[in-house]
Amino acid sequence: PTRTLPRDERDLMIAANNGWCLAFDNLSSLKPWISDAICRLATGGGFSTRTLYENDGETLFHAQRPVILNGIEELATRGDLLDRAIILYLPEIPRDKRKRPNRLRDDFDAMRPKILGALLDALSDALGRLPDISLTELPRMADFAVLGVAAEEGLGFESGIFMQAYSGSQDSLHSLILDASPLGQPVRDVAAYGDWTGTAAELLFYLNDT
């Protein structure tokens, strides 16, 4: 089920220890601490806290979980989180295609067995191919990329299509990082329209002056 963002990292790790996938709905922004915490959760991380009613006891929470973030604005703006993310822009549902929640749930429940069966078939096929997959260059999310390549044939895709799509997605994220930075556009303007050279300090003075 979807939920709101936790108040702190401790609550995030407790939620991760009680579910296999975390889904946070209708978000407007991510504070730096939750962005960093989701990064650690995506690749596997721990959080320690004092055990309740003990002075020197420590409880360690450790988890590695997929996280779903949903919102209208750009949520992931920090480079480390974007490097771990797959961003999907969902199309607006036309008015004549919209359904009431009860009807939508009924339709999904009717399709659920076929969807689950297809996913399990694809995963089984991918696990069988996994030992034979070798990539010349590994991205940061190496295991994810290798599994994606292994799943291509079982999902009906041509060989090489996954890394092509994944690399294209990663390249597009660089623009999001620049757009999120207050210096991004001014620096691009200088590079596009000016013939400027100098140190970083001189560049900052130039930007402030213009």
N, C-alpha and C. Protein backbone atom coordinates (compact mmCIF):
# COMPACT_ATOMS: atom_id res chain seq x y z
N PRO A 1 0.83 -1.22 0.00
CA PRO A 1 0.00 0.00 0.00
C PRO A 1 0.86 1.27 0.00
N THR A 2 0.32 2.33 -0.61
CA THR A 2 1.05 3.60 -0.62
C THR A 2 1.01 4.24 0.76
N ARG A 3 1.99 5.09 1.02
CA ARG A 3 2.09 5.74 2.33
C ARG A 3 2.71 7.11 2.17
N THR A 4 2.68 7.89 3.26
CA THR A 4 3.35 9.18 3.27
C THR A 4 4.82 8.97 3.63
N LEU A 5 5.63 10.00 3.40
CA LEU A 5 7.04 9.90 3.75
C LEU A 5 7.22 9.79 5.26
N PRO A 6 8.20 9.02 5.72
CA PRO A 6 8.44 8.89 7.16
C PRO A 6 9.00 10.18 7.74
N ARG A 7 8.91 10.29 9.06
CA ARG A 7 9.41 11.49 9.75
C ARG A 7 10.92 11.49 9.84
N ASP A 8 11.54 10.32 9.90
CA ASP A 8 12.98 10.25 10.04
C ASP A 8 13.49 8.93 9.45
N GLU A 9 14.81 8.76 9.45
CA GLU A 9 15.41 7.58 8.84
C GLU A 9 15.07 6.31 9.61
N ARG A 10 14.89 6.44 10.91
CA ARG A 10 14.52 5.27 11.72
C ARG A 10 13.18 4.70 11.26
N ASP A 11 12.18 5.57 11.06
CA ASP A 11 10.88 5.11 10.60
C ASP A 11 10.96 4.51 9.20
N LEU A 12 11.84 5.06 8.35
CA LEU A 12 12.02 4.52 7.01
C LEU A 12 12.55 3.09 7.07
N MET A 13 13.54 2.85 7.92
CA MET A 13 14.12 1.52 8.02
C MET A 13 13.15 0.52 8.65
N ILE A 14 12.34 0.98 9.60
CA ILE A 14 11.31 0.10 10.17
C ILE A 14 10.31 -0.30 9.10
N ALA A 15 9.91 0.66 8.27
CA ALA A 15 8.98 0.36 7.18
C ALA A 15 9.61 -0.63 6.20
N ALA A 16 10.90 -0.47 5.92
CA ALA A 16 11.59 -1.37 4.99
C ALA A 16 11.68 -2.78 5.55
N ASN A 17 11.82 -2.90 6.86
CA ASN A 17 11.90 -4.22 7.48
C ASN A 17 10.54 -4.90 7.56
N ASN A 18 9.47 -4.16 7.29
CA ASN A 18 8.13 -4.72 7.36
C ASN A 18 7.46 -4.83 6.00
N GLY A 19 8.21 -4.64 4.93
CA GLY A 19 7.63 -4.75 3.59
C GLY A 19 8.71 -4.94 2.55
N TRP A 20 8.34 -5.54 1.42
CA TRP A 20 9.32 -5.82 0.37
C TRP A 20 9.47 -4.68 -0.62
N CYS A 21 8.51 -3.75 -0.63
CA CYS A 21 8.58 -2.62 -1.54
C CYS A 21 7.91 -1.43 -0.87
N LEU A 22 8.55 -0.27 -0.90
CA LEU A 22 7.98 0.93 -0.30
C LEU A 22 7.45 1.85 -1.41
N ALA A 23 6.23 2.33 -1.24
CA ALA A 23 5.61 3.21 -2.24
C ALA A 23 5.13 4.48 -1.55
N PHE A 24 5.70 5.62 -1.94
CA PHE A 24 5.35 6.91 -1.36
C PHE A 24 4.61 7.72 -2.42
N ASP A 25 3.39 8.15 -2.09
CA ASP A 25 2.47 8.71 -3.08
C ASP A 25 2.26 10.20 -2.90
N ASN A 26 2.04 10.89 -4.03
CA ASN A 26 1.64 12.30 -4.05
C ASN A 26 2.65 13.20 -3.34
N LEU A 27 3.90 13.08 -3.74
CA LEU A 27 4.96 13.87 -3.11
C LEU A 27 5.19 15.17 -3.89
N SER A 28 5.62 16.20 -3.16
CA SER A 28 5.94 17.47 -3.80
C SER A 28 7.45 17.68 -3.90
N SER A 29 8.20 17.13 -2.93
CA SER A 29 9.65 17.30 -2.93
C SER A 29 10.27 16.27 -2.00
N LEU A 30 11.59 16.17 -2.06
CA LEU A 30 12.34 15.29 -1.17
C LEU A 30 13.42 16.11 -0.47
N LYS A 31 13.42 16.05 0.85
CA LYS A 31 14.48 16.71 1.60
C LYS A 31 15.79 15.93 1.42
N PRO A 32 16.94 16.59 1.58
CA PRO A 32 18.21 15.90 1.36
C PRO A 32 18.38 14.63 2.18
N TRP A 33 17.92 14.62 3.44
CA TRP A 33 18.15 13.44 4.28
C TRP A 33 17.37 12.23 3.77
N ILE A 34 16.12 12.43 3.27
CA ILE A 34 15.35 11.29 2.78
C ILE A 34 15.89 10.83 1.43
N SER A 35 16.39 11.76 0.62
CA SER A 35 17.02 11.38 -0.64
C SER A 35 18.24 10.50 -0.39
N ASP A 36 19.07 10.89 0.58
CA ASP A 36 20.26 10.09 0.92
C ASP A 36 19.86 8.74 1.49
N ALA A 37 18.83 8.72 2.32
CA ALA A 37 18.39 7.48 2.94
C ALA A 37 17.84 6.50 1.90
N ILE A 38 17.11 7.00 0.91
CA ILE A 38 16.58 6.14 -0.14
C ILE A 38 17.71 5.58 -0.98
N CYS A 39 18.77 6.37 -1.19
CA CYS A 39 19.94 5.86 -1.90
C CYS A 39 20.53 4.66 -1.18
N ARG A 40 20.69 4.78 0.13
CA ARG A 40 21.25 3.67 0.90
C ARG A 40 20.32 2.47 0.88
N LEU A 41 19.02 2.72 0.91
CA LEU A 41 18.05 1.64 0.90
C LEU A 41 18.05 0.92 -0.45
N ALA A 42 18.28 1.66 -1.53
CA ALA A 42 18.26 1.06 -2.86
C ALA A 42 19.41 0.09 -3.07
N THR A 43 20.57 0.39 -2.53
CA THR A 43 21.74 -0.46 -2.73
C THR A 43 22.07 -1.29 -1.50
N GLY A 44 21.30 -1.13 -0.42
CA GLY A 44 21.52 -1.90 0.79
C GLY A 44 22.26 -1.08 1.84
N GLY A 45 21.60 -0.83 2.96
CA GLY A 45 22.22 -0.01 4.00
C GLY A 45 21.63 -0.32 5.35
N GLY A 46 22.29 0.19 6.37
CA GLY A 46 21.86 -0.07 7.73
C GLY A 46 21.62 1.21 8.51
N PHE A 47 20.91 1.07 9.61
CA PHE A 47 20.64 2.19 10.51
C PHE A 47 20.66 1.64 11.93
N SER A 48 21.42 2.28 12.79
CA SER A 48 21.51 1.82 14.17
C SER A 48 20.85 2.81 15.11
N THR A 49 20.26 2.29 16.17
CA THR A 49 19.63 3.13 17.17
C THR A 49 19.73 2.44 18.52
N ARG A 50 19.61 3.21 19.59
CA ARG A 50 19.68 2.63 20.93
C ARG A 50 18.46 1.77 21.18
N THR A 51 18.71 0.59 21.70
CA THR A 51 17.62 -0.30 22.03
C THR A 51 16.77 0.30 23.14
N LEU A 52 15.47 0.26 22.99
CA LEU A 52 14.58 0.84 23.98
C LEU A 52 14.77 0.20 25.35
N TYR A 53 14.74 1.04 26.39
CA TYR A 53 14.83 0.63 27.79
C TYR A 53 16.21 0.04 28.14
N GLU A 54 17.21 0.30 27.29
CA GLU A 54 18.58 -0.11 27.59
C GLU A 54 19.51 1.08 27.41
N ASN A 55 20.54 1.16 28.26
CA ASN A 55 21.46 2.29 28.19
C ASN A 55 22.53 2.12 27.12
N ASP A 56 23.03 0.89 26.96
CA ASP A 56 24.13 0.69 26.02
C ASP A 56 23.80 -0.33 24.93
N GLY A 57 22.56 -0.78 24.85
CA GLY A 57 22.17 -1.73 23.81
C GLY A 57 21.92 -1.03 22.49
N GLU A 58 22.27 -1.69 21.40
CA GLU A 58 22.12 -1.12 20.07
C GLU A 58 21.31 -2.07 19.20
N THR A 59 20.36 -1.52 18.46
CA THR A 59 19.59 -2.30 17.50
C THR A 59 19.94 -1.82 16.10
N LEU A 60 20.29 -2.76 15.24
CA LEU A 60 20.69 -2.43 13.87
C LEU A 60 19.62 -2.90 12.89
N PHE A 61 19.11 -1.97 12.08
CA PHE A 61 18.18 -2.30 11.00
C PHE A 61 18.96 -2.31 9.70
N HIS A 62 18.83 -3.36 8.92
CA HIS A 62 19.50 -3.43 7.62
C HIS A 62 18.51 -3.92 6.58
N ALA A 63 18.47 -3.25 5.43
CA ALA A 63 17.52 -3.64 4.39
C ALA A 63 18.01 -3.15 3.03
N GLN A 64 17.53 -3.82 2.00
CA GLN A 64 17.72 -3.39 0.61
C GLN A 64 16.38 -3.58 -0.08
N ARG A 65 15.76 -2.48 -0.49
CA ARG A 65 14.40 -2.54 -1.00
C ARG A 65 14.23 -1.61 -2.22
N PRO A 66 13.35 -1.99 -3.15
CA PRO A 66 12.94 -1.04 -4.19
C PRO A 66 11.99 -0.01 -3.60
N VAL A 67 12.07 1.21 -4.10
CA VAL A 67 11.23 2.30 -3.60
C VAL A 67 10.53 2.97 -4.78
N ILE A 68 9.23 3.18 -4.66
CA ILE A 68 8.45 3.87 -5.68
C ILE A 68 8.10 5.26 -5.16
N LEU A 69 8.42 6.28 -5.94
CA LEU A 69 8.10 7.67 -5.61
C LEU A 69 7.17 8.22 -6.68
N ASN A 70 6.06 8.81 -6.26
CA ASN A 70 5.08 9.33 -7.21
C ASN A 70 4.76 10.78 -6.90
N GLY A 71 4.80 11.62 -7.91
CA GLY A 71 4.45 13.02 -7.72
C GLY A 71 4.38 13.73 -9.06
N ILE A 72 3.90 14.98 -9.05
CA ILE A 72 3.78 15.75 -10.28
C ILE A 72 5.09 16.46 -10.61
N GLU A 73 5.72 17.05 -9.60
CA GLU A 73 6.98 17.75 -9.82
C GLU A 73 8.14 16.76 -9.91
N GLU A 74 9.32 17.27 -10.37
CA GLU A 74 10.52 16.45 -10.38
C GLU A 74 10.94 16.19 -8.93
N LEU A 75 10.96 14.93 -8.52
CA LEU A 75 11.25 14.60 -7.13
C LEU A 75 12.73 14.33 -6.91
N ALA A 76 13.31 13.52 -7.77
CA ALA A 76 14.73 13.18 -7.63
C ALA A 76 15.56 14.23 -8.36
N THR A 77 16.27 15.06 -7.60
CA THR A 77 17.07 16.12 -8.21
C THR A 77 18.55 16.02 -7.83
N ARG A 78 18.88 15.15 -6.88
CA ARG A 78 20.27 14.97 -6.48
C ARG A 78 20.89 13.85 -7.30
N GLY A 79 22.14 14.06 -7.69
CA GLY A 79 22.78 13.16 -8.63
C GLY A 79 22.85 11.72 -8.17
N ASP A 80 23.12 11.49 -6.87
CA ASP A 80 23.26 10.11 -6.40
C ASP A 80 21.94 9.35 -6.47
N LEU A 81 20.81 10.02 -6.17
CA LEU A 81 19.51 9.36 -6.27
C LEU A 81 19.12 9.15 -7.73
N LEU A 82 19.38 10.13 -8.58
CA LEU A 82 19.06 9.98 -10.00
C LEU A 82 19.83 8.83 -10.62
N ASP A 83 21.06 8.61 -10.15
CA ASP A 83 21.88 7.54 -10.69
C ASP A 83 21.31 6.17 -10.34
N ARG A 84 20.46 6.12 -9.33
CA ARG A 84 19.85 4.86 -8.91
C ARG A 84 18.40 4.73 -9.38
N ALA A 85 17.94 5.69 -10.17
CA ALA A 85 16.51 5.79 -10.46
C ALA A 85 16.17 5.45 -11.90
N ILE A 86 14.97 4.93 -12.08
CA ILE A 86 14.34 4.82 -13.40
C ILE A 86 13.14 5.76 -13.36
N ILE A 87 13.13 6.78 -14.20
CA ILE A 87 12.07 7.78 -14.17
C ILE A 87 11.07 7.50 -15.29
N LEU A 88 9.81 7.43 -14.93
CA LEU A 88 8.72 7.20 -15.89
C LEU A 88 7.80 8.41 -15.89
N TYR A 89 7.49 8.91 -17.08
CA TYR A 89 6.51 9.98 -17.23
C TYR A 89 5.23 9.35 -17.76
N LEU A 90 4.23 9.27 -16.90
CA LEU A 90 2.99 8.58 -17.26
C LEU A 90 2.05 9.52 -18.01
N PRO A 91 1.43 9.04 -19.08
CA PRO A 91 0.51 9.90 -19.83
C PRO A 91 -0.78 10.14 -19.05
N GLU A 92 -1.40 11.27 -19.33
CA GLU A 92 -2.69 11.56 -18.72
C GLU A 92 -3.75 10.61 -19.27
N ILE A 93 -4.63 10.13 -18.40
CA ILE A 93 -5.69 9.21 -18.82
C ILE A 93 -6.81 10.04 -19.46
N PRO A 94 -7.17 9.76 -20.72
CA PRO A 94 -8.27 10.50 -21.36
C PRO A 94 -9.57 10.36 -20.57
N ARG A 95 -10.40 11.36 -20.66
CA ARG A 95 -11.65 11.35 -19.89
C ARG A 95 -12.52 10.13 -20.19
N ASP A 96 -12.54 9.71 -21.46
CA ASP A 96 -13.41 8.60 -21.82
C ASP A 96 -12.81 7.24 -21.44
N LYS A 97 -11.57 7.23 -20.90
CA LYS A 97 -10.93 5.98 -20.50
C LYS A 97 -10.83 5.84 -18.97
N ARG A 98 -11.30 6.84 -18.25
CA ARG A 98 -11.18 6.81 -16.80
C ARG A 98 -12.21 5.85 -16.20
N LYS A 99 -11.81 5.23 -15.07
CA LYS A 99 -12.68 4.26 -14.40
C LYS A 99 -12.81 4.61 -12.93
N ARG A 100 -13.91 4.22 -12.35
CA ARG A 100 -14.08 4.37 -10.90
C ARG A 100 -13.16 3.37 -10.21
N PRO A 101 -12.69 3.69 -8.99
CA PRO A 101 -11.73 2.82 -8.29
C PRO A 101 -12.20 1.37 -8.15
N ASN A 102 -13.47 1.17 -7.84
CA ASN A 102 -13.96 -0.21 -7.68
C ASN A 102 -13.86 -1.00 -8.98
N ARG A 103 -14.21 -0.36 -10.08
CA ARG A 103 -14.13 -1.03 -11.38
C ARG A 103 -12.67 -1.32 -11.74
N LEU A 104 -11.80 -0.37 -11.45
CA LEU A 104 -10.37 -0.56 -11.73
C LEU A 104 -9.81 -1.74 -10.93
N ARG A 105 -10.17 -1.82 -9.65
CA ARG A 105 -9.68 -2.92 -8.82
C ARG A 105 -10.22 -4.26 -9.31
N ASP A 106 -11.48 -4.28 -9.71
CA ASP A 106 -12.06 -5.53 -10.21
C ASP A 106 -11.36 -5.99 -11.49
N ASP A 107 -11.11 -5.04 -12.39
CA ASP A 107 -10.43 -5.40 -13.64
C ASP A 107 -9.02 -5.90 -13.36
N PHE A 108 -8.33 -5.24 -12.43
CA PHE A 108 -6.96 -5.66 -12.11
C PHE A 108 -6.95 -7.03 -11.44
N ASP A 109 -7.88 -7.26 -10.53
CA ASP A 109 -7.94 -8.57 -9.86
C ASP A 109 -8.19 -9.69 -10.86
N ALA A 110 -8.99 -9.40 -11.90
CA ALA A 110 -9.25 -10.42 -12.92
C ALA A 110 -7.99 -10.71 -13.75
N MET A 111 -7.14 -9.70 -13.93
CA MET A 111 -5.93 -9.87 -14.73
C MET A 111 -4.73 -10.31 -13.91
N ARG A 112 -4.83 -10.20 -12.60
CA ARG A 112 -3.68 -10.44 -11.72
C ARG A 112 -3.00 -11.80 -11.97
N PRO A 113 -3.74 -12.93 -12.07
CA PRO A 113 -3.05 -14.22 -12.26
C PRO A 113 -2.19 -14.26 -13.53
N LYS A 114 -2.71 -13.70 -14.64
CA LYS A 114 -1.93 -13.69 -15.87
C LYS A 114 -0.71 -12.79 -15.76
N ILE A 115 -0.87 -11.63 -15.11
CA ILE A 115 0.26 -10.71 -14.94
C ILE A 115 1.35 -11.36 -14.09
N LEU A 116 0.94 -11.96 -12.97
CA LEU A 116 1.91 -12.61 -12.09
C LEU A 116 2.59 -13.77 -12.80
N GLY A 117 1.81 -14.58 -13.54
CA GLY A 117 2.39 -15.70 -14.26
C GLY A 117 3.40 -15.26 -15.30
N ALA A 118 3.09 -14.18 -16.03
CA ALA A 118 4.00 -13.68 -17.05
C ALA A 118 5.29 -13.15 -16.43
N LEU A 119 5.17 -12.45 -15.31
CA LEU A 119 6.36 -11.93 -14.63
C LEU A 119 7.23 -13.06 -14.10
N LEU A 120 6.62 -14.08 -13.52
CA LEU A 120 7.39 -15.21 -13.00
C LEU A 120 8.06 -16.00 -14.12
N ASP A 121 7.37 -16.16 -15.24
CA ASP A 121 7.98 -16.83 -16.39
C ASP A 121 9.20 -16.06 -16.88
N ALA A 122 9.05 -14.72 -16.97
CA ALA A 122 10.17 -13.89 -17.43
C ALA A 122 11.32 -13.95 -16.45
N LEU A 123 11.02 -13.94 -15.15
CA LEU A 123 12.07 -13.99 -14.14
C LEU A 123 12.78 -15.35 -14.17
N SER A 124 12.02 -16.42 -14.30
CA SER A 124 12.62 -17.75 -14.37
C SER A 124 13.56 -17.86 -15.57
N ASP A 125 13.12 -17.33 -16.71
CA ASP A 125 13.96 -17.35 -17.90
C ASP A 125 15.23 -16.52 -17.69
N ALA A 126 15.07 -15.35 -17.05
CA ALA A 126 16.22 -14.47 -16.81
C ALA A 126 17.23 -15.13 -15.87
N LEU A 127 16.76 -15.79 -14.82
CA LEU A 127 17.67 -16.44 -13.88
C LEU A 127 18.45 -17.57 -14.56
N GLY A 128 17.79 -18.23 -15.53
CA GLY A 128 18.49 -19.28 -16.26
C GLY A 128 19.59 -18.73 -17.16
N ARG A 129 19.39 -17.53 -17.68
CA ARG A 129 20.38 -16.92 -18.57
C ARG A 129 21.44 -16.12 -17.82
N LEU A 130 21.17 -15.81 -16.56
CA LEU A 130 22.03 -14.90 -15.80
C LEU A 130 23.51 -15.31 -15.78
N PRO A 131 23.84 -16.60 -15.57
CA PRO A 131 25.27 -16.96 -15.50
C PRO A 131 26.04 -16.69 -16.80
N ASP A 132 25.33 -16.60 -17.93
CA ASP A 132 26.00 -16.42 -19.21
C ASP A 132 26.09 -14.97 -19.64
N ILE A 133 25.54 -14.04 -18.84
CA ILE A 133 25.54 -12.62 -19.20
C ILE A 133 26.85 -11.97 -18.76
N SER A 134 27.49 -11.29 -19.70
CA SER A 134 28.73 -10.57 -19.41
C SER A 134 28.69 -9.22 -20.14
N LEU A 135 28.78 -8.14 -19.39
CA LEU A 135 28.76 -6.80 -19.97
C LEU A 135 30.17 -6.24 -20.00
N THR A 136 30.52 -5.57 -21.09
CA THR A 136 31.86 -5.00 -21.21
C THR A 136 32.05 -3.84 -20.24
N GLU A 137 30.99 -3.08 -19.99
CA GLU A 137 31.03 -1.97 -19.03
C GLU A 137 29.84 -2.08 -18.10
N LEU A 138 30.10 -1.98 -16.81
CA LEU A 138 29.03 -2.08 -15.82
C LEU A 138 28.64 -0.70 -15.31
N PRO A 139 27.35 -0.39 -15.33
CA PRO A 139 26.90 0.88 -14.73
C PRO A 139 26.92 0.78 -13.21
N ARG A 140 26.54 1.86 -12.55
CA ARG A 140 26.55 1.87 -11.09
C ARG A 140 25.64 0.79 -10.51
N MET A 141 24.45 0.64 -11.08
CA MET A 141 23.53 -0.40 -10.65
C MET A 141 23.81 -1.67 -11.46
N ALA A 142 24.96 -2.29 -11.17
CA ALA A 142 25.46 -3.37 -12.00
C ALA A 142 24.54 -4.59 -12.01
N ASP A 143 24.11 -5.05 -10.84
CA ASP A 143 23.25 -6.23 -10.78
C ASP A 143 21.94 -6.00 -11.51
N PHE A 144 21.39 -4.80 -11.37
CA PHE A 144 20.14 -4.45 -12.05
C PHE A 144 20.32 -4.53 -13.56
N ALA A 145 21.44 -4.00 -14.06
CA ALA A 145 21.68 -4.00 -15.50
C ALA A 145 21.86 -5.41 -16.03
N VAL A 146 22.62 -6.24 -15.32
CA VAL A 146 22.84 -7.61 -15.77
C VAL A 146 21.54 -8.40 -15.80
N LEU A 147 20.71 -8.23 -14.78
CA LEU A 147 19.42 -8.92 -14.74
C LEU A 147 18.50 -8.42 -15.86
N GLY A 148 18.54 -7.11 -16.14
CA GLY A 148 17.73 -6.56 -17.22
C GLY A 148 18.11 -7.15 -18.57
N VAL A 149 19.42 -7.29 -18.81
CA VAL A 149 19.88 -7.90 -20.06
C VAL A 149 19.45 -9.36 -20.13
N ALA A 150 19.55 -10.07 -19.01
CA ALA A 150 19.16 -11.48 -18.98
C ALA A 150 17.67 -11.67 -19.24
N ALA A 151 16.87 -10.66 -18.91
CA ALA A 151 15.42 -10.78 -19.04
C ALA A 151 14.90 -10.39 -20.42
N GLU A 152 15.77 -9.85 -21.27
CA GLU A 152 15.32 -9.34 -22.57
C GLU A 152 14.52 -10.38 -23.36
N GLU A 153 15.10 -11.55 -23.58
CA GLU A 153 14.46 -12.53 -24.45
C GLU A 153 13.15 -13.05 -23.86
N GLY A 154 13.15 -13.30 -22.54
CA GLY A 154 11.94 -13.79 -21.90
C GLY A 154 10.80 -12.79 -21.94
N LEU A 155 11.13 -11.50 -22.05
CA LEU A 155 10.10 -10.46 -22.12
C LEU A 155 9.74 -10.10 -23.56
N GLY A 156 10.40 -10.77 -24.51
CA GLY A 156 10.06 -10.55 -25.91
C GLY A 156 10.80 -9.42 -26.58
N PHE A 157 11.91 -8.96 -25.99
CA PHE A 157 12.67 -7.86 -26.58
C PHE A 157 13.89 -8.37 -27.35
N GLU A 158 14.35 -7.57 -28.27
CA GLU A 158 15.56 -7.91 -29.02
C GLU A 158 16.79 -7.72 -28.14
N SER A 159 17.84 -8.47 -28.45
CA SER A 159 19.08 -8.37 -27.69
C SER A 159 19.66 -6.96 -27.80
N GLY A 160 20.07 -6.41 -26.67
CA GLY A 160 20.69 -5.08 -26.63
C GLY A 160 19.73 -3.95 -26.36
N ILE A 161 18.42 -4.22 -26.39
CA ILE A 161 17.44 -3.14 -26.25
C ILE A 161 17.42 -2.60 -24.83
N PHE A 162 17.70 -3.46 -23.84
CA PHE A 162 17.64 -2.98 -22.45
C PHE A 162 18.74 -1.96 -22.18
N MET A 163 19.98 -2.28 -22.52
CA MET A 163 21.08 -1.35 -22.23
C MET A 163 20.93 -0.07 -23.04
N GLN A 164 20.35 -0.17 -24.24
CA GLN A 164 20.10 1.02 -25.03
C GLN A 164 19.12 1.94 -24.32
N ALA A 165 18.04 1.36 -23.80
CA ALA A 165 17.04 2.15 -23.08
C ALA A 165 17.59 2.66 -21.76
N TYR A 166 18.33 1.82 -21.06
CA TYR A 166 18.87 2.20 -19.75
C TYR A 166 19.90 3.32 -19.90
N SER A 167 20.78 3.21 -20.90
CA SER A 167 21.78 4.25 -21.12
C SER A 167 21.11 5.57 -21.52
N GLY A 168 20.07 5.48 -22.35
CA GLY A 168 19.35 6.69 -22.73
C GLY A 168 18.68 7.34 -21.55
N SER A 169 18.14 6.52 -20.64
CA SER A 169 17.51 7.05 -19.43
C SER A 169 18.54 7.75 -18.56
N GLN A 170 19.70 7.14 -18.39
CA GLN A 170 20.74 7.73 -17.56
C GLN A 170 21.25 9.04 -18.15
N ASP A 171 21.38 9.09 -19.48
CA ASP A 171 21.85 10.32 -20.12
C ASP A 171 20.85 11.47 -19.91
N SER A 172 19.56 11.15 -19.96
CA SER A 172 18.55 12.21 -19.80
C SER A 172 18.54 12.75 -18.37
N LEU A 173 19.03 11.94 -17.42
CA LEU A 173 19.04 12.40 -16.03
C LEU A 173 20.03 13.54 -15.81
N HIS A 174 21.06 13.63 -16.65
CA HIS A 174 22.04 14.70 -16.49
C HIS A 174 21.37 16.07 -16.66
N SER A 175 20.40 16.15 -17.56
CA SER A 175 19.68 17.41 -17.76
C SER A 175 18.87 17.77 -16.53
N LEU A 176 18.30 16.75 -15.86
CA LEU A 176 17.53 17.01 -14.64
C LEU A 176 18.43 17.57 -13.54
N ILE A 177 19.64 17.03 -13.43
CA ILE A 177 20.58 17.52 -12.42
C ILE A 177 20.91 18.99 -12.68
N LEU A 178 21.16 19.34 -13.94
CA LEU A 178 21.48 20.72 -14.28
C LEU A 178 20.28 21.64 -14.05
N ASP A 179 19.09 21.16 -14.41
CA ASP A 179 17.89 21.98 -14.23
C ASP A 179 17.60 22.23 -12.75
N ALA A 180 17.97 21.28 -11.89
CA ALA A 180 17.70 21.43 -10.46
C ALA A 180 18.70 22.35 -9.77
N SER A 181 19.85 22.59 -10.42
CA SER A 181 20.87 23.43 -9.82
C SER A 181 20.64 24.90 -10.18
N PRO A 182 20.74 25.81 -9.20
CA PRO A 182 20.57 27.24 -9.52
C PRO A 182 21.68 27.77 -10.43
N LEU A 183 22.80 27.04 -10.51
CA LEU A 183 23.90 27.46 -11.37
C LEU A 183 23.84 26.83 -12.76
N GLY A 184 22.97 25.82 -12.90
CA GLY A 184 22.96 25.06 -14.15
C GLY A 184 22.72 25.91 -15.37
N GLN A 185 21.60 26.63 -15.41
CA GLN A 185 21.26 27.41 -16.59
C GLN A 185 22.22 28.57 -16.82
N PRO A 186 22.62 29.34 -15.79
CA PRO A 186 23.59 30.41 -16.04
C PRO A 186 24.92 29.92 -16.63
N VAL A 187 25.40 28.77 -16.13
CA VAL A 187 26.66 28.24 -16.66
C VAL A 187 26.48 27.79 -18.10
N ARG A 188 25.33 27.17 -18.40
CA ARG A 188 25.08 26.77 -19.78
C ARG A 188 24.97 27.98 -20.71
N ASP A 189 24.39 29.07 -20.19
CA ASP A 189 24.29 30.28 -21.01
C ASP A 189 25.68 30.83 -21.33
N VAL A 190 26.57 30.82 -20.33
CA VAL A 190 27.93 31.30 -20.54
C VAL A 190 28.63 30.44 -21.58
N ALA A 191 28.44 29.10 -21.46
CA ALA A 191 29.10 28.19 -22.41
C ALA A 191 28.55 28.34 -23.82
N ALA A 192 27.24 28.65 -23.93
CA ALA A 192 26.61 28.72 -25.25
C ALA A 192 26.86 30.04 -25.97
N TYR A 193 26.89 31.16 -25.21
CA TYR A 193 26.92 32.46 -25.86
C TYR A 193 28.19 33.27 -25.57
N GLY A 194 29.02 32.79 -24.67
CA GLY A 194 30.19 33.59 -24.33
C GLY A 194 31.48 32.86 -24.62
N ASP A 195 32.54 33.63 -24.74
CA ASP A 195 33.89 33.07 -24.92
C ASP A 195 34.67 33.39 -23.66
N TRP A 196 34.28 32.74 -22.57
CA TRP A 196 34.81 33.10 -21.26
C TRP A 196 35.79 32.04 -20.76
N THR A 197 36.88 32.45 -20.14
CA THR A 197 37.83 31.54 -19.50
C THR A 197 38.22 32.13 -18.15
N GLY A 198 38.56 31.26 -17.20
CA GLY A 198 38.98 31.72 -15.89
C GLY A 198 38.82 30.64 -14.84
N THR A 199 39.06 31.00 -13.60
CA THR A 199 38.94 30.06 -12.50
C THR A 199 37.49 29.95 -12.05
N ALA A 200 37.22 28.99 -11.16
CA ALA A 200 35.87 28.83 -10.63
C ALA A 200 35.43 30.07 -9.85
N ALA A 201 36.34 30.64 -9.07
CA ALA A 201 36.02 31.85 -8.31
C ALA A 201 35.71 33.02 -9.25
N GLU A 202 36.48 33.14 -10.33
CA GLU A 202 36.23 34.20 -11.30
C GLU A 202 34.90 33.99 -12.03
N LEU A 203 34.55 32.72 -12.27
CA LEU A 203 33.27 32.43 -12.91
C LEU A 203 32.11 32.83 -12.00
N LEU A 204 32.23 32.54 -10.70
CA LEU A 204 31.18 32.93 -9.76
C LEU A 204 31.03 34.45 -9.72
N PHE A 205 32.15 35.16 -9.72
CA PHE A 205 32.08 36.63 -9.73
C PHE A 205 31.43 37.13 -11.02
N TYR A 206 31.74 36.49 -12.13
CA TYR A 206 31.18 36.88 -13.42
C TYR A 206 29.66 36.65 -13.43
N LEU A 207 29.22 35.50 -12.91
CA LEU A 207 27.80 35.20 -12.89
C LEU A 207 27.04 36.16 -11.99
N ASN A 208 27.61 36.48 -10.85
CA ASN A 208 26.96 37.42 -9.94
C ASN A 208 26.87 38.81 -10.55
N ASP A 209 27.89 39.16 -11.33
CA ASP A 209 27.96 40.50 -11.92
C ASP A 209 26.98 40.64 -13.09
N THR A 210 26.65 39.50 -13.73
CA THR A 210 25.76 39.57 -14.89
C THR A 210 24.34 39.21 -14.52
